[in-house]
N, C-alpha and C. Protein backbone atom coordinates (compact mmCIF):
# COMPACT_ATOMS: atom_id res chain seq x y z
N MET A 1 26.31 -63.15 70.47
CA MET A 1 25.92 -63.88 69.07
C MET A 1 26.52 -62.42 68.34
N LYS A 2 26.45 -62.23 66.95
CA LYS A 2 26.64 -61.18 66.51
C LYS A 2 25.33 -60.27 66.07
N CYS A 3 25.53 -59.19 66.04
CA CYS A 3 24.31 -58.26 65.64
C CYS A 3 24.70 -57.05 65.30
N TYR A 4 24.13 -56.25 64.14
CA TYR A 4 23.93 -55.46 63.36
C TYR A 4 23.01 -54.31 63.52
N LEU A 5 23.28 -53.10 63.73
CA LEU A 5 23.04 -51.96 64.26
C LEU A 5 22.45 -50.85 63.05
N GLY A 6 21.53 -50.89 62.86
CA GLY A 6 20.95 -49.43 62.08
C GLY A 6 20.51 -48.46 62.43
N ILE A 7 21.08 -47.57 62.09
CA ILE A 7 21.11 -46.07 62.36
C ILE A 7 20.44 -45.07 61.40
N ASP A 8 19.13 -44.09 61.59
CA ASP A 8 18.26 -43.50 60.88
C ASP A 8 18.55 -42.22 61.59
N LEU A 9 19.25 -41.39 61.08
CA LEU A 9 19.40 -39.89 61.63
C LEU A 9 18.35 -39.03 60.78
N GLY A 10 17.16 -38.74 60.96
CA GLY A 10 15.88 -38.15 60.01
C GLY A 10 15.88 -36.85 60.46
N THR A 11 15.54 -36.11 59.62
CA THR A 11 15.14 -34.97 59.70
C THR A 11 13.93 -34.42 60.94
N THR A 12 13.26 -35.44 61.26
CA THR A 12 12.48 -34.85 62.38
C THR A 12 12.41 -35.95 63.53
N ASN A 13 12.87 -37.46 63.19
CA ASN A 13 13.19 -38.06 64.11
C ASN A 13 14.48 -39.10 63.77
N SER A 14 15.26 -39.36 65.22
CA SER A 14 16.21 -40.71 65.03
C SER A 14 16.26 -41.84 65.79
N LYS A 15 16.16 -42.94 65.00
CA LYS A 15 15.92 -44.02 65.26
C LYS A 15 17.14 -45.15 65.33
N ALA A 16 17.27 -45.97 65.85
CA ALA A 16 18.34 -46.87 66.08
C ALA A 16 17.87 -48.55 66.19
N LEU A 17 17.90 -49.28 65.17
CA LEU A 17 17.47 -50.92 65.39
C LEU A 17 18.76 -51.49 65.43
N VAL A 18 18.47 -52.97 66.15
CA VAL A 18 19.52 -53.95 66.12
C VAL A 18 18.95 -55.32 65.57
N LEU A 19 19.80 -55.84 64.56
CA LEU A 19 19.22 -57.13 63.98
C LEU A 19 20.14 -58.36 64.20
N GLN A 20 19.93 -58.82 65.07
CA GLN A 20 20.62 -60.25 65.81
C GLN A 20 20.87 -61.38 64.83
N GLN A 21 22.21 -61.94 64.56
CA GLN A 21 22.29 -63.15 63.84
C GLN A 21 21.40 -63.90 63.16
N ASP A 22 20.75 -64.06 64.68
CA ASP A 22 19.19 -65.45 64.75
C ASP A 22 18.00 -64.67 64.13
N GLY A 23 17.87 -63.20 63.71
CA GLY A 23 16.73 -62.90 63.07
C GLY A 23 15.77 -61.81 63.97
N ASN A 24 16.56 -61.91 65.07
CA ASN A 24 15.14 -60.88 66.32
C ASN A 24 15.95 -59.38 66.28
N LEU A 25 14.73 -58.63 66.07
CA LEU A 25 15.19 -57.30 65.84
C LEU A 25 14.20 -56.22 67.17
N TYR A 26 15.30 -55.26 67.44
CA TYR A 26 15.37 -54.70 68.49
C TYR A 26 15.30 -53.28 68.14
N VAL A 27 14.52 -52.17 68.42
CA VAL A 27 14.59 -50.91 68.59
C VAL A 27 15.40 -50.50 70.11
N VAL A 28 16.33 -49.75 69.71
CA VAL A 28 17.11 -49.76 70.75
C VAL A 28 17.11 -48.18 71.36
N ARG A 29 16.99 -47.34 70.38
CA ARG A 29 16.52 -46.24 70.88
C ARG A 29 15.70 -45.47 69.46
N SER A 30 15.11 -44.20 70.55
CA SER A 30 14.06 -43.83 68.83
C SER A 30 13.60 -42.20 69.72
N GLU A 31 14.09 -40.95 68.92
CA GLU A 31 13.84 -39.61 70.03
C GLU A 31 13.66 -38.76 68.80
N LYS A 32 12.88 -37.49 69.10
CA LYS A 32 13.03 -36.67 68.12
C LYS A 32 14.34 -35.79 67.86
N THR A 33 14.93 -35.67 66.81
CA THR A 33 16.18 -35.43 66.17
C THR A 33 15.71 -33.84 66.95
N LYS A 34 17.51 -33.20 67.54
CA LYS A 34 17.37 -32.23 68.25
C LYS A 34 17.89 -31.06 67.15
N LYS A 35 17.12 -30.02 67.08
CA LYS A 35 17.87 -28.95 66.13
C LYS A 35 17.79 -27.58 66.43
N TYR A 36 18.18 -26.97 66.27
CA TYR A 36 18.25 -25.39 66.54
C TYR A 36 17.98 -24.35 65.55
N VAL A 37 17.51 -22.97 65.85
CA VAL A 37 16.92 -22.16 64.97
C VAL A 37 18.38 -20.76 64.96
N HIS A 38 19.04 -20.41 63.95
CA HIS A 38 19.38 -19.22 63.96
C HIS A 38 19.09 -18.74 62.66
N GLU A 39 18.59 -17.15 63.21
CA GLU A 39 18.44 -16.34 61.67
C GLU A 39 17.38 -16.88 61.55
N GLY A 40 16.56 -17.37 61.44
CA GLY A 40 14.93 -18.10 60.61
C GLY A 40 15.61 -19.19 60.31
N VAL A 41 16.78 -20.04 60.17
CA VAL A 41 17.08 -21.19 59.32
C VAL A 41 17.39 -22.06 60.65
N GLU A 42 16.94 -23.45 60.34
CA GLU A 42 17.19 -24.53 61.16
C GLU A 42 18.22 -25.13 60.70
N PHE A 43 19.06 -25.76 61.94
CA PHE A 43 20.09 -26.30 61.80
C PHE A 43 19.90 -28.00 62.54
N PHE A 44 20.72 -28.82 62.26
CA PHE A 44 20.85 -30.11 63.29
C PHE A 44 21.99 -29.47 64.46
N ASN A 45 21.68 -29.87 65.54
CA ASN A 45 22.60 -30.19 66.40
C ASN A 45 23.40 -30.85 66.36
N LEU A 46 24.58 -30.67 66.11
CA LEU A 46 25.78 -32.14 65.98
C LEU A 46 26.23 -32.84 66.98
N SER A 47 26.10 -32.23 68.22
CA SER A 47 26.40 -32.66 69.32
C SER A 47 25.43 -33.74 69.88
N GLU A 48 24.36 -33.19 69.70
CA GLU A 48 23.27 -34.15 69.91
C GLU A 48 23.18 -35.42 69.17
N LEU A 49 23.29 -35.21 67.67
CA LEU A 49 23.77 -36.37 66.74
C LEU A 49 24.61 -37.21 67.27
N GLU A 50 25.64 -36.62 67.46
CA GLU A 50 26.91 -37.94 68.25
C GLU A 50 26.59 -38.48 69.14
N ARG A 51 25.98 -37.80 70.00
CA ARG A 51 25.32 -38.45 71.56
C ARG A 51 24.67 -39.08 71.05
N PHE A 52 23.53 -39.24 69.97
CA PHE A 52 22.45 -40.03 69.90
C PHE A 52 23.26 -41.67 69.30
N VAL A 53 24.45 -41.10 68.48
CA VAL A 53 25.25 -42.26 68.02
C VAL A 53 25.92 -43.09 68.71
N ASP A 54 26.59 -42.45 69.86
CA ASP A 54 27.01 -43.14 71.25
C ASP A 54 25.94 -43.84 72.12
N GLU A 55 25.05 -43.48 72.47
CA GLU A 55 24.02 -43.80 73.00
C GLU A 55 23.78 -45.23 72.71
N SER A 56 23.45 -45.23 71.01
CA SER A 56 23.10 -46.24 70.22
C SER A 56 23.90 -47.43 70.31
N LEU A 57 25.27 -47.29 69.91
CA LEU A 57 26.27 -48.03 70.27
C LEU A 57 26.17 -48.92 71.75
N THR A 58 25.92 -48.15 72.65
CA THR A 58 25.99 -48.62 73.95
C THR A 58 24.89 -49.54 73.96
N ALA A 59 23.91 -49.00 73.47
CA ALA A 59 22.62 -50.04 73.95
C ALA A 59 22.54 -51.11 72.90
N ALA A 60 23.40 -51.31 71.55
CA ALA A 60 23.48 -52.31 70.67
C ALA A 60 23.97 -53.45 71.43
N LYS A 61 25.06 -52.98 72.03
CA LYS A 61 26.36 -53.92 72.42
C LYS A 61 25.53 -54.79 73.64
N ARG A 62 24.57 -54.41 74.27
CA ARG A 62 23.71 -55.35 75.07
C ARG A 62 23.06 -56.32 74.42
N HIS A 63 22.90 -56.32 72.89
CA HIS A 63 22.20 -57.41 72.41
C HIS A 63 23.02 -58.12 71.46
N GLY A 64 24.30 -58.07 71.28
CA GLY A 64 25.44 -59.03 70.95
C GLY A 64 26.70 -58.04 70.68
N ASP A 65 27.71 -58.63 69.73
CA ASP A 65 28.61 -57.98 69.15
C ASP A 65 28.18 -57.75 67.98
N ILE A 66 28.73 -56.37 67.87
CA ILE A 66 28.54 -55.57 66.77
C ILE A 66 29.42 -55.79 65.76
N ALA A 67 29.05 -56.54 64.60
CA ALA A 67 29.29 -56.87 63.26
C ALA A 67 29.74 -56.01 62.43
N GLY A 68 28.61 -54.87 61.99
CA GLY A 68 28.18 -54.05 61.28
C GLY A 68 27.31 -52.93 61.12
N ILE A 69 27.41 -51.91 61.00
CA ILE A 69 27.03 -50.68 61.49
C ILE A 69 26.15 -49.83 59.74
N CYS A 70 24.99 -49.74 59.86
CA CYS A 70 24.41 -49.04 58.66
C CYS A 70 23.97 -47.68 59.27
N PHE A 71 23.86 -46.33 57.94
CA PHE A 71 23.39 -45.45 58.82
C PHE A 71 22.68 -44.65 57.42
N SER A 72 21.53 -44.37 57.69
CA SER A 72 20.40 -43.93 57.10
C SER A 72 20.60 -42.11 57.55
N SER A 73 20.35 -41.22 56.84
CA SER A 73 20.41 -39.61 57.10
C SER A 73 19.79 -38.84 56.22
N VAL A 74 19.55 -37.70 56.60
CA VAL A 74 19.00 -36.71 55.75
C VAL A 74 19.17 -36.14 54.48
N GLY A 75 18.83 -37.39 53.67
CA GLY A 75 18.92 -37.64 52.21
C GLY A 75 18.07 -36.68 51.69
N GLU A 76 16.85 -36.11 52.06
CA GLU A 76 15.76 -35.40 51.68
C GLU A 76 16.14 -33.76 51.90
N SER A 77 17.11 -33.31 52.84
CA SER A 77 17.67 -32.14 53.37
C SER A 77 18.89 -31.47 52.32
N VAL A 78 19.30 -32.45 51.68
CA VAL A 78 20.59 -32.40 51.10
C VAL A 78 20.63 -32.10 49.57
């Protein structure tokens, strides 16, 4: 069955959802977004974001063949 993966890389939390072709929706990952502070400025940990995306892809494949991926990210921080 086809499924679609939605990933939200947020400033506080990151989440990944799978929508299957038949309409079933699953939360496959949810965790606090990892950041670090350098000289008083907060930065995203890019390797942790990459790990989150990789693990989300792996988890989504358990629900079907991925037909599409949508990202939402840190718009309010830009």
